[in-house]
Amino acid sequence: MNQKRVISAVAFIVIAIGAFVGGVQYQKHAGSTIASAANARGGFGPGIVAQRGARGVFGTVSAINGTTLTVTSELGTTTTYTVNTSASTTYTDGTGASTTASSLATGDTVIVQGTKSGTTVTATAIRINPEFGGGMGGGPTSGSADPNASTN
């Protein structure tokens, strides 16, 4: 009878380890699929935040010098990125409507999509002051932060 218990315990441990390793592998694949899907669409849609591993950064514009931006990101740690733009960089406002580089100002929140190398990003698209929904329960996306405020 003891031999059956030992065999059962070993089988349980082997299955548990296999399930853990399988879960880790699935998460690695699912994470890269999400980032790839955002990039394949040609940009980040409304309410989509840059995923870890995605090409680009999310942060606050701390300086503008010609076609170079300094963006400070605080996703996990505070990191300052140099963002190089060009004539082919596209700009959208928080709702996704097309805008220009001249609407960009110090203090704006941005999602920058492009090619990232270390702390330098060559931008292909910049979303300025993106609007984020109130989560699964809804809520305000712009204007008053008070959910009880009148919208009439």
Protein backbone atom coordinates (compact mmCIF):
# COMPACT_ATOMS: atom_id res chain seq x y z
CA MET A 1 0.00 0.00 0.00
CA ASN A 2 2.87 2.42 0.74
CA GLN A 3 4.31 1.84 -2.73
CA LYS A 4 0.99 2.99 -4.29
CA ARG A 5 1.09 6.21 -2.25
CA VAL A 6 4.68 6.94 -3.31
CA ILE A 7 3.83 6.31 -6.97
CA SER A 8 0.75 8.55 -6.66
CA ALA A 9 2.77 11.32 -5.01
CA VAL A 10 5.50 11.16 -7.68
CA ALA A 11 2.88 11.19 -10.47
CA PHE A 12 1.21 14.24 -8.88
CA ILE A 13 4.54 16.09 -8.64
CA VAL A 14 5.42 15.29 -12.26
CA ILE A 15 2.00 16.50 -13.47
CA ALA A 16 2.27 19.69 -11.36
CA ILE A 17 5.72 20.50 -12.76
CA GLY A 18 4.50 19.82 -16.30
CA ALA A 19 1.49 22.11 -15.80
CA PHE A 20 3.72 24.89 -14.42
CA VAL A 21 6.21 24.67 -17.31
CA GLY A 22 3.34 24.54 -19.81
CA GLY A 23 1.78 27.65 -18.24
CA VAL A 24 5.07 29.55 -18.44
CA GLN A 25 5.49 28.64 -22.10
CA TYR A 26 1.89 29.62 -22.88
CA GLN A 27 2.33 33.02 -21.18
CA LYS A 28 5.52 33.71 -23.15
CA HIS A 29 3.71 32.96 -26.40
CA ALA A 30 0.50 34.85 -25.48
CA GLY A 31 2.47 37.96 -24.42
CA SER A 32 4.35 38.15 -27.72
CA THR A 33 1.12 37.54 -29.66
CA ILE A 34 -0.58 40.52 -27.97
CA ALA A 35 2.32 42.84 -28.74
CA SER A 36 2.53 41.55 -32.32
CA ALA A 37 -1.21 42.06 -32.83
CA ALA A 38 -0.98 45.71 -31.69
CA ASN A 39 1.94 46.30 -34.04
CA ALA A 40 0.29 44.49 -36.98
CA ARG A 41 -2.70 46.85 -36.78
CA GLY A 42 -0.33 49.74 -37.44
CA GLY A 43 -0.70 51.28 -34.02
CA PHE A 44 -2.28 51.24 -30.64
CA GLY A 45 -6.06 51.63 -30.64
CA PRO A 46 -8.05 53.60 -28.08
CA GLY A 47 -7.52 52.28 -24.58
CA ILE A 48 -4.58 50.02 -25.51
CA VAL A 49 -1.49 50.62 -23.44
CA ALA A 50 1.97 49.68 -24.62
CA GLN A 51 2.64 46.14 -23.50
CA ARG A 52 5.95 45.13 -22.00
CA GLY A 53 7.98 43.89 -24.97
CA ALA A 54 6.07 46.00 -27.50
CA ARG A 55 8.05 48.32 -29.75
CA GLY A 56 7.72 51.78 -28.24
CA VAL A 57 7.19 53.64 -24.99
CA PHE A 58 4.46 55.17 -22.85
CA GLY A 59 5.23 58.23 -20.76
CA THR A 60 5.29 62.00 -20.29
CA VAL A 61 7.03 64.47 -22.62
CA SER A 62 9.66 66.22 -20.49
CA ALA A 63 11.40 68.16 -23.30
CA ILE A 64 11.03 69.00 -26.99
CA ASN A 65 14.05 70.01 -29.07
CA GLY A 66 13.24 70.19 -32.79
CA THR A 67 12.41 66.66 -33.95
CA THR A 68 13.68 65.05 -30.76
CA LEU A 69 11.48 64.44 -27.73
CA THR A 70 12.49 63.38 -24.25
CA VAL A 71 9.88 61.02 -22.79
CA THR A 72 9.95 59.86 -19.18
CA SER A 73 8.29 56.49 -18.60
CA GLU A 74 7.27 55.24 -15.18
CA LEU A 75 6.06 51.74 -16.05
CA GLY A 76 7.81 49.79 -13.31
CA THR A 77 10.84 52.09 -13.13
CA THR A 78 11.53 55.67 -14.18
CA THR A 79 13.35 55.62 -17.53
CA THR A 80 14.05 58.56 -19.84
CA TYR A 81 13.87 57.88 -23.58
CA THR A 82 15.09 59.93 -26.51
CA VAL A 83 12.43 59.85 -29.23
CA ASN A 84 13.50 60.79 -32.75
CA THR A 85 10.73 61.84 -35.12
CA SER A 86 10.69 62.47 -38.86
CA ALA A 87 8.40 63.76 -41.60
CA SER A 88 6.87 60.27 -41.84
CA THR A 89 5.95 60.10 -38.11
CA THR A 90 2.16 60.17 -37.72
CA TYR A 91 0.45 61.96 -34.85
CA THR A 92 -3.01 61.31 -33.41
CA ASP A 93 -4.86 62.93 -30.55
CA GLY A 94 -6.44 61.09 -27.63
CA THR A 95 -9.47 60.04 -29.65
CA GLY A 96 -7.40 58.73 -32.57
CA ALA A 97 -8.01 61.73 -34.86
CA SER A 98 -5.08 62.85 -36.99
CA THR A 99 -3.11 65.84 -35.70
CA THR A 100 0.33 67.40 -36.15
CA ALA A 101 3.58 67.61 -34.23
CA SER A 102 2.80 71.22 -33.35
CA SER A 103 0.02 70.01 -31.01
CA LEU A 104 2.62 68.23 -28.87
CA ALA A 105 3.66 70.02 -25.67
CA THR A 106 5.83 69.42 -22.63
CA GLY A 107 3.77 67.59 -20.00
CA ASP A 108 1.68 65.66 -22.53
CA THR A 109 1.21 61.94 -22.00
CA VAL A 110 2.20 59.98 -25.11
CA ILE A 111 2.23 56.48 -26.52
CA VAL A 112 5.14 56.24 -28.93
CA GLN A 113 5.32 53.38 -31.41
CA GLY A 114 8.51 52.72 -33.35
CA THR A 115 11.83 50.98 -33.32
CA LYS A 116 13.38 50.87 -29.86
CA SER A 117 17.08 50.43 -29.22
CA GLY A 118 18.04 50.81 -25.59
CA THR A 119 16.64 54.18 -24.49
CA THR A 120 16.27 55.56 -28.02
CA VAL A 121 13.09 55.21 -30.08
CA THR A 122 12.73 56.08 -33.77
CA ALA A 123 9.06 57.00 -33.83
CA THR A 124 6.63 55.88 -36.52
CA ALA A 125 3.47 56.94 -34.64
CA ILE A 126 2.73 59.08 -31.58
CA ARG A 127 -0.61 59.26 -29.78
CA ILE A 128 -0.89 62.46 -27.73
CA ASN A 129 -2.86 62.44 -24.45
CA PRO A 130 -4.55 59.08 -25.07
CA GLU A 131 -7.99 58.62 -23.57
CA PHE A 132 -8.47 55.52 -21.49
CA GLY A 133 -11.88 54.13 -20.65
CA GLY A 134 -13.10 53.76 -17.11
CA GLY A 135 -12.46 50.02 -17.11
CA MET A 136 -14.94 47.20 -17.34
CA GLY A 137 -17.52 49.15 -15.36
CA GLY A 138 -17.37 52.11 -17.73
CA GLY A 139 -16.80 55.60 -16.43
CA PRO A 140 -15.57 58.92 -17.74
CA THR A 141 -13.02 58.97 -20.55
CA SER A 142 -12.55 62.71 -20.66
CA GLY A 143 -13.84 65.82 -18.98
CA SER A 144 -14.91 65.62 -15.35
CA ALA A 145 -13.36 62.89 -13.25
CA ASP A 146 -16.52 62.86 -11.13
CA PRO A 147 -18.72 59.98 -12.34
CA ASN A 148 -21.75 61.68 -10.72
CA ALA A 149 -21.23 64.95 -12.63
CA SER A 150 -24.01 65.97 -15.00
CA THR A 151 -23.27 65.50 -18.69
CA ASN A 152 -26.28 67.51 -19.94
